Amino acid sequence: CCGCLVCIKTNEVGIVEDLGQYKTLINPGLNFVLCPLQQVAGTLSLRIQQLDVACETKTKDNVFVRAEVAVQFRVLPEFAYDAYYRLSDPRGQIQSYVFDVIRSTVPRMELDEAFASKREIAENTNRQLEAVMKDYGYEILNTLVTDLSPDARVKASMNEINASKRLKEAASHKAEADKVQQVKAAEADAEARYLSGLGVARQRKAIVSGLQSSISEFSNDVDGVSSKDVMDILVLTQYFDTLGAIGANNLILEHEPASVASLQNQVNLTLKNRKTGFLS
């Protein structure tokens, strides 16, 4: 026999066998073994490892989904013997348990509930893996459901449903805004008409007051002039004012001075008929 020097890397542990039988564990650094009676059968990494598992299953409402789960685990140094000798394929074992949990949990949920329960699915998976893998010398640090995606056609349908819902809400808000705008416009128009009516009423009141004042002053200052003569002059003045306003708008209308006399006669006749009817 002779001595052999063996180096073990950091964050690893070496398994030493003596004639094919487990002998001891050796730590990182330079180690001495008796060759050829003893040899390093293998090493185990103590670093945290991650296993990504993709599993396809069906929800309660018969929608096939693909679940992607990330499992983070490591070997417990004090149970390195169990991790090396009792379990030949730890990744395959973990994958099998992930499949079992996912395919027993998701089918009890509808699609929307499954999306909302990703944390619950991850906790169930982590709890079952932790209880089983500890007996084999492995510690499950964390389990994450990184993705839960249905079929592409289901995704498109869900997007269309969501888009239709958003469009409906937008149309409802737009209709409400149009309603408010129309109500405010109607209120503004009513207020404008009211104020315009007040203005017209005040204007007519001022005109009547001015006519009364003009007739009274003209009759008192000029002898031999009756109220009828004053009214004739005012009618003629209003007629020429109207022609001036029409001319300011670049409109040309045919007229005769005789129309003023005709209008005056019609007014006098109307007043005379009303007076006669009142007396009778």
C-alpha atoms as a PDB file:
ATOM      1  CA  CYS A   1       0.000   0.000   0.000  1.00  0.00           C
ATOM      2  CA  CYS A   2       1.034   3.555  -0.546  1.00  0.00           C
ATOM      3  CA  GLY A   3      -0.410   6.882   0.336  1.00  0.00           C
ATOM      4  CA  CYS A   4      -2.145   9.033  -2.239  1.00  0.00           C
ATOM      5  CA  LEU A   5      -2.950  12.719  -2.033  1.00  0.00           C
ATOM      6  CA  VAL A   6      -6.422  13.786  -3.159  1.00  0.00           C
ATOM      7  CA  CYS A   7      -7.732  17.339  -3.551  1.00  0.00           C
ATOM      8  CA  ILE A   8     -11.406  18.150  -2.943  1.00  0.00           C
ATOM      9  CA  LYS A   9     -12.765  21.434  -4.240  1.00  0.00           C
ATOM     10  CA  THR A  10     -14.494  24.078  -2.146  1.00  0.00           C
ATOM     11  CA  ASN A  11     -18.184  23.430  -1.436  1.00  0.00           C
ATOM     12  CA  GLU A  12     -17.768  19.756  -2.233  1.00  0.00           C
ATOM     13  CA  VAL A  13     -17.478  16.625  -0.113  1.00  0.00           C
ATOM     14  CA  GLY A  14     -15.614  13.441  -1.106  1.00  0.00           C
ATOM     15  CA  ILE A  15     -16.877   9.887  -0.625  1.00  0.00           C
ATOM     16  CA  VAL A  16     -14.060   7.472   0.320  1.00  0.00           C
ATOM     17  CA  GLU A  17     -14.551   3.722  -0.111  1.00  0.00           C
ATOM     18  CA  ASP A  18     -12.370   0.972   1.335  1.00  0.00           C
ATOM     19  CA  LEU A  19     -12.370  -2.031  -1.023  1.00  0.00           C
ATOM     20  CA  GLY A  20     -15.752  -0.958  -2.381  1.00  0.00           C
ATOM     21  CA  GLN A  21     -17.253  -0.308   1.033  1.00  0.00           C
ATOM     22  CA  TYR A  22     -18.084   3.150   2.365  1.00  0.00           C
ATOM     23  CA  LYS A  23     -15.326   4.372   4.648  1.00  0.00           C
ATOM     24  CA  THR A  24     -15.622   8.087   5.358  1.00  0.00           C
ATOM     25  CA  LEU A  25     -16.234  11.599   4.054  1.00  0.00           C
ATOM     26  CA  ILE A  26     -13.380  13.962   3.270  1.00  0.00           C
ATOM     27  CA  ASN A  27     -13.620  17.741   3.339  1.00  0.00           C
ATOM     28  CA  PRO A  28     -12.374  20.323   0.813  1.00  0.00           C
ATOM     29  CA  GLY A  29      -8.604  20.644   0.562  1.00  0.00           C
ATOM     30  CA  LEU A  30      -5.702  18.180   0.450  1.00  0.00           C
ATOM     31  CA  ASN A  31      -6.546  14.700   1.794  1.00  0.00           C
ATOM     32  CA  PHE A  32      -4.597  11.449   2.244  1.00  0.00           C
ATOM     33  CA  VAL A  33      -5.979   8.026   1.246  1.00  0.00           C
ATOM     34  CA  LEU A  34      -4.367   4.557   1.161  1.00  0.00           C
ATOM     35  CA  CYS A  35      -4.109   3.392  -2.408  1.00  0.00           C
ATOM     36  CA  PRO A  36      -5.116   0.995  -3.811  1.00  0.00           C
ATOM     37  CA  LEU A  37      -7.179  -0.177  -0.836  1.00  0.00           C
ATOM     38  CA  GLN A  38      -8.988   3.144  -0.576  1.00  0.00           C
ATOM     39  CA  GLN A  39     -10.236   5.390  -3.311  1.00  0.00           C
ATOM     40  CA  VAL A  40     -12.473   8.422  -3.760  1.00  0.00           C
ATOM     41  CA  ALA A  41     -15.660   6.951  -5.201  1.00  0.00           C
ATOM     42  CA  GLY A  42     -17.117  10.342  -6.007  1.00  0.00           C
ATOM     43  CA  THR A  43     -17.887  13.848  -4.847  1.00  0.00           C
ATOM     44  CA  LEU A  44     -21.062  15.703  -3.987  1.00  0.00           C
ATOM     45  CA  SER A  45     -21.558  19.432  -4.541  1.00  0.00           C
ATOM     46  CA  LEU A  46     -22.818  21.370  -1.521  1.00  0.00           C
ATOM     47  CA  ARG A  47     -23.779  24.389  -3.611  1.00  0.00           C
ATOM     48  CA  ILE A  48     -27.392  25.377  -4.137  1.00  0.00           C
ATOM     49  CA  GLN A  49     -28.725  23.840  -7.329  1.00  0.00           C
ATOM     50  CA  GLN A  50     -31.823  24.597  -9.373  1.00  0.00           C
ATOM     51  CA  LEU A  51     -33.973  22.203 -11.345  1.00  0.00           C
ATOM     52  CA  ASP A  52     -36.447  23.570 -13.897  1.00  0.00           C
ATOM     53  CA  VAL A  53     -39.439  21.318 -14.471  1.00  0.00           C
ATOM     54  CA  ALA A  54     -42.081  21.797 -17.199  1.00  0.00           C
ATOM     55  CA  CYS A  55     -45.345  19.948 -16.684  1.00  0.00           C
ATOM     56  CA  GLU A  56     -48.495  19.913 -18.818  1.00  0.00           C
ATOM     57  CA  THR A  57     -51.857  19.347 -17.144  1.00  0.00           C
ATOM     58  CA  LYS A  58     -55.550  20.220 -17.404  1.00  0.00           C
ATOM     59  CA  THR A  59     -57.646  22.571 -15.292  1.00  0.00           C
ATOM     60  CA  LYS A  60     -61.118  21.965 -13.903  1.00  0.00           C
ATOM     61  CA  ASP A  61     -62.699  23.788 -16.858  1.00  0.00           C
ATOM     62  CA  ASN A  62     -60.843  21.519 -19.321  1.00  0.00           C
ATOM     63  CA  VAL A  63     -58.109  23.954 -20.384  1.00  0.00           C
ATOM     64  CA  PHE A  64     -54.658  22.460 -20.957  1.00  0.00           C
ATOM     65  CA  VAL A  65     -51.904  24.520 -19.363  1.00  0.00           C
ATOM     66  CA  ARG A  66     -48.128  24.243 -19.191  1.00  0.00           C
ATOM     67  CA  ALA A  67     -46.705  24.826 -15.727  1.00  0.00           C
ATOM     68  CA  GLU A  68     -43.036  25.642 -15.264  1.00  0.00           C
ATOM     69  CA  VAL A  69     -41.631  25.059 -11.782  1.00  0.00           C
ATOM     70  CA  ALA A  70     -38.168  25.950 -10.459  1.00  0.00           C
ATOM     71  CA  VAL A  71     -36.917  23.877  -7.491  1.00  0.00           C
ATOM     72  CA  GLN A  72     -33.883  25.074  -5.530  1.00  0.00           C
ATOM     73  CA  PHE A  73     -32.159  22.418  -3.411  1.00  0.00           C
ATOM     74  CA  ARG A  74     -28.824  21.410  -1.901  1.00  0.00           C
ATOM     75  CA  VAL A  75     -27.123  18.414  -0.275  1.00  0.00           C
ATOM     76  CA  LEU A  76     -26.995  18.393   3.530  1.00  0.00           C
ATOM     77  CA  PRO A  77     -23.348  17.707   4.527  1.00  0.00           C
ATOM     78  CA  GLU A  78     -24.339  15.560   7.510  1.00  0.00           C
ATOM     79  CA  PHE A  79     -26.491  13.393   5.224  1.00  0.00           C
ATOM     80  CA  ALA A  80     -24.042  13.111   2.328  1.00  0.00           C
ATOM     81  CA  TYR A  81     -23.995   9.300   2.716  1.00  0.00           C
ATOM     82  CA  ASP A  82     -27.769   9.099   2.068  1.00  0.00           C
ATOM     83  CA  ALA A  83     -27.549  11.571  -0.812  1.00  0.00           C
ATOM     84  CA  TYR A  84     -24.850   9.516  -2.541  1.00  0.00           C
ATOM     85  CA  TYR A  85     -25.862   5.915  -1.846  1.00  0.00           C
ATOM     86  CA  ARG A  86     -29.636   5.965  -1.382  1.00  0.00           C
ATOM     87  CA  LEU A  87     -30.649   8.049  -4.406  1.00  0.00           C
ATOM     88  CA  SER A  88     -29.122   7.472  -7.815  1.00  0.00           C
ATOM     89  CA  ASP A  89     -31.046  10.194  -9.700  1.00  0.00           C
ATOM     90  CA  PRO A  90     -32.083  13.055  -7.402  1.00  0.00           C
ATOM     91  CA  ARG A  91     -33.163  15.313 -10.264  1.00  0.00           C
ATOM     92  CA  GLY A  92     -35.421  12.635 -11.707  1.00  0.00           C
ATOM     93  CA  GLN A  93     -36.889  11.998  -8.256  1.00  0.00           C
ATOM     94  CA  ILE A  94     -37.636  15.676  -7.707  1.00  0.00           C
ATOM     95  CA  GLN A  95     -39.154  15.957 -11.175  1.00  0.00           C
ATOM     96  CA  SER A  96     -41.475  13.003 -10.483  1.00  0.00           C
ATOM     97  CA  TYR A  97     -42.769  14.563  -7.267  1.00  0.00           C
ATOM     98  CA  VAL A  98     -43.289  17.916  -8.999  1.00  0.00           C
ATOM     99  CA  PHE A  99     -45.348  16.184 -11.697  1.00  0.00           C
ATOM    100  CA  ASP A 100     -47.388  14.414  -9.032  1.00  0.00           C
ATOM    101  CA  VAL A 101     -48.198  17.587  -7.077  1.00  0.00           C
ATOM    102  CA  ILE A 102     -48.964  19.730 -10.139  1.00  0.00           C
ATOM    103  CA  ARG A 103     -51.209  17.103 -11.733  1.00  0.00           C
ATOM    104  CA  SER A 104     -53.101  16.573  -8.491  1.00  0.00           C
ATOM    105  CA  THR A 105     -53.515  20.260  -7.576  1.00  0.00           C
ATOM    106  CA  VAL A 106     -54.221  22.159 -10.797  1.00  0.00           C
ATOM    107  CA  PRO A 107     -57.066  19.888 -12.042  1.00  0.00           C
ATOM    108  CA  ARG A 108     -59.082  20.938  -8.972  1.00  0.00           C
ATOM    109  CA  MET A 109     -58.936  24.589 -10.049  1.00  0.00           C
ATOM    110  CA  GLU A 110     -60.411  26.559 -12.906  1.00  0.00           C
ATOM    111  CA  LEU A 111     -58.053  28.510 -15.155  1.00  0.00           C
ATOM    112  CA  ASP A 112     -58.528  31.906 -13.485  1.00  0.00           C
ATOM    113  CA  GLU A 113     -58.218  30.347 -10.041  1.00  0.00           C
ATOM    114  CA  ALA A 114     -55.024  28.553 -11.071  1.00  0.00           C
ATOM    115  CA  PHE A 115     -53.458  31.848 -12.167  1.00  0.00           C
ATOM    116  CA  ALA A 116     -54.433  33.408  -8.834  1.00  0.00           C
ATOM    117  CA  SER A 117     -53.163  30.405  -6.833  1.00  0.00           C
ATOM    118  CA  LYS A 118     -49.607  30.078  -8.176  1.00  0.00           C
ATOM    119  CA  ARG A 119     -48.219  30.707  -4.707  1.00  0.00           C
ATOM    120  CA  GLU A 120     -50.459  28.024  -3.204  1.00  0.00           C
ATOM    121  CA  ILE A 121     -49.340  25.525  -5.857  1.00  0.00           C
ATOM    122  CA  ALA A 122     -45.698  26.352  -5.149  1.00  0.00           C
ATOM    123  CA  GLU A 123     -46.179  25.938  -1.385  1.00  0.00           C
ATOM    124  CA  ASN A 124     -47.869  22.567  -1.817  1.00  0.00           C
ATOM    125  CA  THR A 125     -45.048  21.372  -4.064  1.00  0.00           C
ATOM    126  CA  ASN A 126     -42.365  22.646  -1.698  1.00  0.00           C
ATOM    127  CA  ARG A 127     -44.032  21.042   1.332  1.00  0.00           C
ATOM    128  CA  GLN A 128     -44.269  17.593  -0.249  1.00  0.00           C
ATOM    129  CA  LEU A 129     -40.760  17.709  -1.711  1.00  0.00           C
ATOM    130  CA  GLU A 130     -39.261  18.858   1.575  1.00  0.00           C
ATOM    131  CA  ALA A 131     -40.792  15.967   3.521  1.00  0.00           C
ATOM    132  CA  VAL A 132     -39.664  13.325   1.010  1.00  0.00           C
ATOM    133  CA  MET A 133     -36.213  14.544  -0.059  1.00  0.00           C
ATOM    134  CA  LYS A 134     -34.967  15.127   3.481  1.00  0.00           C
ATOM    135  CA  ASP A 135     -34.828  11.357   3.980  1.00  0.00           C
ATOM    136  CA  TYR A 136     -32.401  11.184   1.053  1.00  0.00           C
ATOM    137  CA  GLY A 137     -30.083  13.906   2.382  1.00  0.00           C
ATOM    138  CA  TYR A 138     -31.435  16.794   0.285  1.00  0.00           C
ATOM    139  CA  GLU A 139     -32.840  20.098   1.540  1.00  0.00           C
ATOM    140  CA  ILE A 140     -35.509  21.851  -0.558  1.00  0.00           C
ATOM    141  CA  LEU A 141     -34.874  25.561  -0.150  1.00  0.00           C
ATOM    142  CA  ASN A 142     -37.571  27.029  -2.357  1.00  0.00           C
ATOM    143  CA  THR A 143     -40.087  26.108  -5.021  1.00  0.00           C
ATOM    144  CA  LEU A 144     -41.377  28.653  -7.510  1.00  0.00           C
ATOM    145  CA  VAL A 145     -44.077  28.426 -10.173  1.00  0.00           C
ATOM    146  CA  THR A 146     -42.343  30.597 -12.743  1.00  0.00           C
ATOM    147  CA  ASP A 147     -44.944  30.305 -15.495  1.00  0.00           C
ATOM    148  CA  LEU A 148     -48.453  29.024 -16.060  1.00  0.00           C
ATOM    149  CA  SER A 149     -49.424  29.358 -19.701  1.00  0.00           C
ATOM    150  CA  PRO A 150     -52.478  27.930 -21.496  1.00  0.00           C
ATOM    151  CA  ASP A 151     -52.717  27.057 -25.169  1.00  0.00           C
ATOM    152  CA  ALA A 152     -52.094  29.910 -27.619  1.00  0.00           C
ATOM    153  CA  ARG A 153     -55.712  29.873 -28.786  1.00  0.00           C
ATOM    154  CA  VAL A 154     -56.935  30.131 -25.199  1.00  0.00           C
ATOM    155  CA  LYS A 155     -54.578  33.065 -24.665  1.00  0.00           C
ATOM    156  CA  ALA A 156     -55.976  34.795 -27.748  1.00  0.00           C
ATOM    157  CA  SER A 157     -59.554  34.220 -26.512  1.00  0.00           C
ATOM    158  CA  MET A 158     -58.715  35.616 -23.075  1.00  0.00           C
ATOM    159  CA  ASN A 159     -57.118  38.681 -24.659  1.00  0.00           C
ATOM    160  CA  GLU A 160     -60.184  39.224 -26.832  1.00  0.00           C
ATOM    161  CA  ILE A 161     -62.483  38.950 -23.810  1.00  0.00           C
ATOM    162  CA  ASN A 162     -60.372  41.442 -21.907  1.00  0.00           C
ATOM    163  CA  ALA A 163     -60.193  43.793 -24.897  1.00  0.00           C
ATOM    164  CA  SER A 164     -63.981  43.634 -25.357  1.00  0.00           C
ATOM    165  CA  LYS A 165     -64.480  44.404 -21.684  1.00  0.00           C
ATOM    166  CA  ARG A 166     -62.159  47.405 -21.909  1.00  0.00           C
ATOM    167  CA  LEU A 167     -63.891  48.663 -25.054  1.00  0.00           C
ATOM    168  CA  LYS A 168     -67.264  48.338 -23.338  1.00  0.00           C
ATOM    169  CA  GLU A 169     -66.038  50.346 -20.364  1.00  0.00           C
ATOM    170  CA  ALA A 170     -64.526  52.965 -22.673  1.00  0.00           C
ATOM    171  CA  ALA A 171     -67.791  53.257 -24.642  1.00  0.00           C
ATOM    172  CA  SER A 172     -69.743  53.618 -21.399  1.00  0.00           C
ATOM    173  CA  HIS A 173     -67.442  56.377 -20.156  1.00  0.00           C
ATOM    174  CA  LYS A 174     -67.574  58.135 -23.535  1.00  0.00           C
ATOM    175  CA  ALA A 175     -71.385  58.007 -23.585  1.00  0.00           C
ATOM    176  CA  GLU A 176     -71.491  59.416 -20.061  1.00  0.00           C
ATOM    177  CA  ALA A 177     -69.111  62.205 -21.078  1.00  0.00           C
ATOM    178  CA  ASP A 178     -71.237  63.001 -24.156  1.00  0.00           C
ATOM    179  CA  LYS A 179     -74.333  63.077 -21.955  1.00  0.00           C
ATOM    180  CA  VAL A 180     -72.754  65.523 -19.531  1.00  0.00           C
ATOM    181  CA  GLN A 181     -71.524  67.652 -22.433  1.00  0.00           C
ATOM    182  CA  GLN A 182     -74.993  67.786 -24.026  1.00  0.00           C
ATOM    183  CA  VAL A 183     -76.661  68.594 -20.699  1.00  0.00           C
ATOM    184  CA  LYS A 184     -74.196  71.389 -20.021  1.00  0.00           C
ATOM    185  CA  ALA A 185     -74.638  72.703 -23.570  1.00  0.00           C
ATOM    186  CA  ALA A 186     -78.431  72.681 -23.173  1.00  0.00           C
ATOM    187  CA  GLU A 187     -78.163  74.474 -19.837  1.00  0.00           C
ATOM    188  CA  ALA A 188     -75.839  77.057 -21.366  1.00  0.00           C
ATOM    189  CA  ASP A 189     -78.174  77.536 -24.354  1.00  0.00           C
ATOM    190  CA  ALA A 190     -81.186  77.964 -22.043  1.00  0.00           C
ATOM    191  CA  GLU A 191     -79.290  80.487 -19.948  1.00  0.00           C
ATOM    192  CA  ALA A 192     -78.194  82.353 -23.072  1.00  0.00           C
ATOM    193  CA  ARG A 193     -81.766  82.474 -24.408  1.00  0.00           C
ATOM    194  CA  TYR A 194     -83.029  83.676 -21.045  1.00  0.00           C
ATOM    195  CA  LEU A 195     -80.446  86.455 -20.907  1.00  0.00           C
ATOM    196  CA  SER A 196     -81.136  87.330 -24.554  1.00  0.00           C
ATOM    197  CA  GLY A 197     -84.864  87.600 -23.753  1.00  0.00           C
ATOM    198  CA  LEU A 198     -84.100  89.885 -20.847  1.00  0.00           C
ATOM    199  CA  GLY A 199     -81.979  92.041 -23.133  1.00  0.00           C
ATOM    200  CA  VAL A 200     -84.666  92.263 -25.799  1.00  0.00           C
ATOM    201  CA  ALA A 201     -87.308  93.129 -23.193  1.00  0.00           C
ATOM    202  CA  ARG A 202     -85.152  95.875 -21.733  1.00  0.00           C
ATOM    203  CA  GLN A 203     -84.361  97.145 -25.226  1.00  0.00           C
ATOM    204  CA  ARG A 204     -88.036  97.368 -26.151  1.00  0.00           C
ATOM    205  CA  LYS A 205     -88.863  98.992 -22.848  1.00  0.00           C
ATOM    206  CA  ALA A 206     -86.147 101.598 -23.461  1.00  0.00           C
ATOM    207  CA  ILE A 207     -87.413 102.201 -27.005  1.00  0.00           C
ATOM    208  CA  VAL A 208     -90.980 102.742 -25.809  1.00  0.00           C
ATOM    209  CA  SER A 209     -89.778 105.026 -23.043  1.00  0.00           C
ATOM    210  CA  GLY A 210     -87.686 107.011 -25.530  1.00  0.00           C
ATOM    211  CA  LEU A 211     -90.598 107.344 -27.958  1.00  0.00           C
ATOM    212  CA  GLN A 212     -92.885 108.573 -25.242  1.00  0.00           C
ATOM    213  CA  SER A 213     -90.313 111.117 -24.141  1.00  0.00           C
ATOM    214  CA  SER A 214     -89.660 112.264 -27.715  1.00  0.00           C
ATOM    215  CA  ILE A 215     -93.326 112.683 -28.535  1.00  0.00           C
ATOM    216  CA  SER A 216     -93.973 114.616 -25.325  1.00  0.00           C
ATOM    217  CA  GLU A 217     -90.999 116.975 -25.787  1.00  0.00           C
ATOM    218  CA  PHE A 218     -91.641 117.549 -29.507  1.00  0.00           C
ATOM    219  CA  SER A 219     -95.334 118.370 -28.906  1.00  0.00           C
ATOM    220  CA  ASN A 220     -94.490 120.844 -26.153  1.00  0.00           C
ATOM    221  CA  ASP A 221     -91.686 122.622 -28.024  1.00  0.00           C
ATOM    222  CA  VAL A 222     -93.328 122.949 -31.456  1.00  0.00           C
ATOM    223  CA  ASP A 223     -96.710 124.609 -31.743  1.00  0.00           C
ATOM    224  CA  GLY A 224     -99.351 123.193 -34.019  1.00  0.00           C
ATOM    225  CA  VAL A 225     -97.897 119.694 -34.126  1.00  0.00           C
ATOM    226  CA  SER A 226    -100.039 116.815 -32.964  1.00  0.00           C
ATOM    227  CA  SER A 227     -98.954 113.462 -31.610  1.00  0.00           C
ATOM    228  CA  LYS A 228     -99.932 111.872 -34.946  1.00  0.00           C
ATOM    229  CA  ASP A 229     -97.488 114.094 -36.820  1.00  0.00           C
ATOM    230  CA  VAL A 230     -94.731 113.159 -34.418  1.00  0.00           C
ATOM    231  CA  MET A 231     -95.506 109.450 -34.906  1.00  0.00           C
ATOM    232  CA  ASP A 232     -95.331 109.899 -38.678  1.00  0.00           C
ATOM    233  CA  ILE A 233     -91.896 111.450 -38.369  1.00  0.00           C
ATOM    234  CA  LEU A 234     -90.702 108.666 -36.059  1.00  0.00           C
ATOM    235  CA  VAL A 235     -91.991 105.988 -38.437  1.00  0.00           C
ATOM    236  CA  LEU A 236     -90.145 107.652 -41.309  1.00  0.00           C
ATOM    237  CA  THR A 237     -86.992 107.861 -39.168  1.00  0.00           C
ATOM    238  CA  GLN A 238     -87.210 104.173 -38.286  1.00  0.00           C
ATOM    239  CA  TYR A 239     -87.682 103.380 -41.970  1.00  0.00           C
ATOM    240  CA  PHE A 240     -84.482 105.149 -42.964  1.00  0.00           C
ATOM    241  CA  ASP A 241     -82.607 103.576 -40.046  1.00  0.00           C
ATOM    242  CA  THR A 242     -83.702 100.167 -41.322  1.00  0.00           C
ATOM    243  CA  LEU A 243     -82.487 101.002 -44.815  1.00  0.00           C
ATOM    244  CA  GLY A 244     -79.117 102.047 -43.352  1.00  0.00           C
ATOM    245  CA  ALA A 245     -78.781  98.783 -41.461  1.00  0.00           C
ATOM    246  CA  ILE A 246     -79.631  96.819 -44.593  1.00  0.00           C
ATOM    247  CA  GLY A 247     -77.120  98.763 -46.638  1.00  0.00           C
ATOM    248  CA  ALA A 248     -74.409  98.054 -44.091  1.00  0.00           C
ATOM    249  CA  ASN A 249     -74.794  94.340 -44.931  1.00  0.00           C
ATOM    250  CA  ASN A 250     -74.280  94.958 -48.683  1.00  0.00           C
ATOM    251  CA  LEU A 251     -77.874  94.081 -49.571  1.00  0.00           C
ATOM    252  CA  ILE A 252     -79.769  96.094 -52.204  1.00  0.00           C
ATOM    253  CA  LEU A 253     -83.559  96.096 -51.979  1.00  0.00           C
ATOM    254  CA  GLU A 254     -86.007  97.947 -54.221  1.00  0.00           C
ATOM    255  CA  HIS A 255     -88.292 100.323 -52.285  1.00  0.00           C
ATOM    256  CA  GLU A 256     -90.523 103.344 -52.837  1.00  0.00           C
ATOM    257  CA  PRO A 257     -91.174 106.267 -50.497  1.00  0.00           C
ATOM    258  CA  ALA A 258     -94.889 105.556 -50.950  1.00  0.00           C
ATOM    259  CA  SER A 259     -94.427 102.374 -48.923  1.00  0.00           C
ATOM    260  CA  VAL A 260     -93.869 104.510 -45.822  1.00  0.00           C
ATOM    261  CA  ALA A 261     -97.243 106.199 -46.303  1.00  0.00           C
ATOM    262  CA  SER A 262     -98.862 102.824 -46.960  1.00  0.00           C
ATOM    263  CA  LEU A 263     -97.367 101.397 -43.763  1.00  0.00           C
ATOM    264  CA  GLN A 264     -98.523 104.441 -41.832  1.00  0.00           C
ATOM    265  CA  ASN A 265    -102.068 104.145 -43.176  1.00  0.00           C
ATOM    266  CA  GLN A 266    -102.180 100.484 -42.222  1.00  0.00           C
ATOM    267  CA  VAL A 267    -101.065 101.262 -38.660  1.00  0.00           C
ATOM    268  CA  ASN A 268    -103.600 104.103 -38.333  1.00  0.00           C
ATOM    269  CA  LEU A 269    -106.384 101.911 -39.729  1.00  0.00           C
ATOM    270  CA  THR A 270    -105.583  99.132 -37.291  1.00  0.00           C
ATOM    271  CA  LEU A 271    -105.571 101.519 -34.330  1.00  0.00           C
ATOM    272  CA  LYS A 272    -108.843 103.113 -35.519  1.00  0.00           C
ATOM    273  CA  ASN A 273    -110.548  99.712 -35.837  1.00  0.00           C
ATOM    274  CA  ARG A 274    -109.428  98.688 -32.368  1.00  0.00           C
ATOM    275  CA  LYS A 275    -110.617 102.000 -30.916  1.00  0.00           C
ATOM    276  CA  THR A 276    -114.020 101.701 -32.653  1.00  0.00           C
ATOM    277  CA  GLY A 277    -114.444  98.129 -31.393  1.00  0.00           C
ATOM    278  CA  PHE A 278    -113.527  99.224 -27.868  1.00  0.00           C
ATOM    279  CA  LEU A 279    -116.106 102.073 -27.890  1.00  0.00           C
ATOM    280  CA  SER A 280    -118.848  99.848 -29.239  1.00  0.00           C
END
